[in-house]
């Protein structure tokens, strides 16, 4: 009878150990799955952002191939003009205009 109880105790310890090991493995796999799902979401969002950036870059490329856009860009950014044209730049503030007028008055005297 003592051998039978001892055998049952050993079997129950082994089964409990197997159950705990199985639970540990399942928990580890579940955490790995959660991590992979988070990474998948991150990379899907990154992919969508890159697709949008690619679309924007292609649109910019098309604009840069357009001569009228390039001319407008050169005129706006670099203040370039065609031959026989004059560049008119408005004064930024009243103070700038006053400083310019004072300089002209000094040059006249």
Protein backbone atom coordinates (compact mmCIF):
# COMPACT_ATOMS: atom_id res chain seq x y z
CA UNK A 1 0.00 0.00 0.00
CA UNK A 2 2.85 2.39 0.76
CA UNK A 3 4.40 1.63 -2.60
CA UNK A 4 1.11 2.41 -4.32
CA UNK A 5 0.80 5.79 -2.53
CA UNK A 6 4.41 6.59 -3.32
CA UNK A 7 3.85 5.66 -6.98
CA UNK A 8 0.71 7.84 -7.16
CA UNK A 9 2.61 10.71 -5.53
CA UNK A 10 5.47 10.40 -8.05
CA UNK A 11 3.01 10.27 -10.96
CA UNK A 12 1.11 13.31 -9.67
CA UNK A 13 4.39 15.25 -9.25
CA UNK A 14 5.45 14.33 -12.79
CA UNK A 15 2.04 15.26 -14.20
CA UNK A 16 2.06 18.56 -12.30
CA UNK A 17 5.54 19.29 -13.60
CA UNK A 18 4.41 18.50 -17.16
CA UNK A 19 1.38 20.74 -16.75
CA UNK A 20 3.49 23.61 -15.42
CA UNK A 21 6.01 23.15 -18.22
CA UNK A 22 3.19 23.17 -20.80
CA UNK A 23 1.70 26.32 -19.27
CA UNK A 24 5.11 28.00 -19.28
CA UNK A 25 5.67 27.11 -22.95
CA UNK A 26 2.19 28.33 -23.90
CA UNK A 27 2.71 31.61 -22.05
CA UNK A 28 6.07 32.11 -23.74
CA UNK A 29 4.54 31.44 -27.16
CA UNK A 30 1.65 33.81 -26.43
CA UNK A 31 4.09 36.60 -25.49
CA UNK A 32 6.09 35.93 -28.65
CA UNK A 33 2.89 36.10 -30.70
CA UNK A 34 1.94 39.42 -29.08
CA UNK A 35 5.38 40.81 -29.85
CA UNK A 36 5.17 39.67 -33.48
CA UNK A 37 1.72 41.20 -33.87
CA UNK A 38 2.98 44.53 -32.51
CA UNK A 39 5.92 44.42 -34.94
CA UNK A 40 3.58 43.57 -37.81
CA UNK A 41 1.38 46.57 -36.99
CA UNK A 42 4.45 48.82 -36.76
CA UNK A 43 5.81 47.66 -40.12
CA UNK A 44 2.41 47.92 -41.80
CA UNK A 45 2.15 51.53 -40.62
CA UNK A 46 5.70 52.20 -41.78
CA UNK A 47 4.87 50.66 -45.16
CA UNK A 48 1.83 52.92 -45.54
CA UNK A 49 3.93 55.97 -44.63
CA UNK A 50 6.58 54.98 -47.18
CA UNK A 51 3.95 54.46 -49.86
CA UNK A 52 2.63 57.98 -49.19
CA UNK A 53 6.14 59.41 -49.24
CA UNK A 54 6.83 57.60 -52.52
CA UNK A 55 3.65 59.05 -54.03
CA UNK A 56 4.68 62.53 -52.89
CA UNK A 57 8.17 62.10 -54.33
CA UNK A 58 6.80 60.92 -57.66
CA UNK A 59 4.53 63.97 -57.78
CA UNK A 60 7.52 66.20 -57.00
CA UNK A 61 9.53 64.45 -59.71
CA UNK A 62 6.79 65.18 -62.21
CA UNK A 63 6.76 68.83 -61.14
CA UNK A 64 10.52 69.10 -61.49
CA UNK A 65 10.22 67.87 -65.07
CA UNK A 66 7.73 70.67 -65.83
CA UNK A 67 9.50 73.72 -67.29
CA UNK A 68 6.91 76.24 -66.15
CA UNK A 69 7.14 74.98 -62.56
CA UNK A 70 10.93 75.16 -62.64
CA UNK A 71 10.78 78.73 -63.98
CA UNK A 72 8.32 79.75 -61.24
CA UNK A 73 10.53 78.07 -58.62
CA UNK A 74 13.64 79.89 -59.90
CA UNK A 75 11.82 83.21 -59.85
CA UNK A 76 10.44 82.72 -56.34
CA UNK A 77 13.39 81.16 -54.55
CA UNK A 78 16.36 82.64 -56.33
CA UNK A 79 14.84 85.92 -57.61
CA UNK A 80 15.96 85.10 -61.15
CA UNK A 81 14.65 87.22 -63.99
CA UNK A 82 14.67 87.04 -67.75
CA UNK A 83 16.70 89.44 -69.85
CA UNK A 84 15.06 92.88 -70.10
CA UNK A 85 12.94 92.28 -66.97
CA UNK A 86 13.09 94.21 -63.71
CA UNK A 87 12.80 92.71 -60.26
CA UNK A 88 10.49 94.63 -57.94
CA UNK A 89 10.77 93.66 -54.29
CA UNK A 90 8.38 95.27 -51.80
CA UNK A 91 9.76 96.56 -48.50
CA UNK A 92 9.18 94.13 -45.66
CA UNK A 93 8.11 96.67 -43.03
CA UNK A 94 7.63 100.40 -42.68
CA UNK A 95 10.96 100.58 -40.84
CA UNK A 96 12.77 99.12 -43.85
CA UNK A 97 11.08 101.67 -46.06
CA UNK A 98 12.02 104.52 -43.69
CA UNK A 99 15.65 103.35 -43.58
CA UNK A 100 15.75 103.25 -47.36
CA UNK A 101 14.28 106.75 -47.65
CA UNK A 102 16.77 108.10 -45.09
CA UNK A 103 19.65 106.62 -47.05
CA UNK A 104 18.43 108.25 -50.24
CA UNK A 105 18.14 111.62 -48.47
CA UNK A 106 21.73 111.34 -47.20
CA UNK A 107 22.99 110.47 -50.64
CA UNK A 108 21.37 113.60 -52.08
CA UNK A 109 23.21 116.01 -49.70
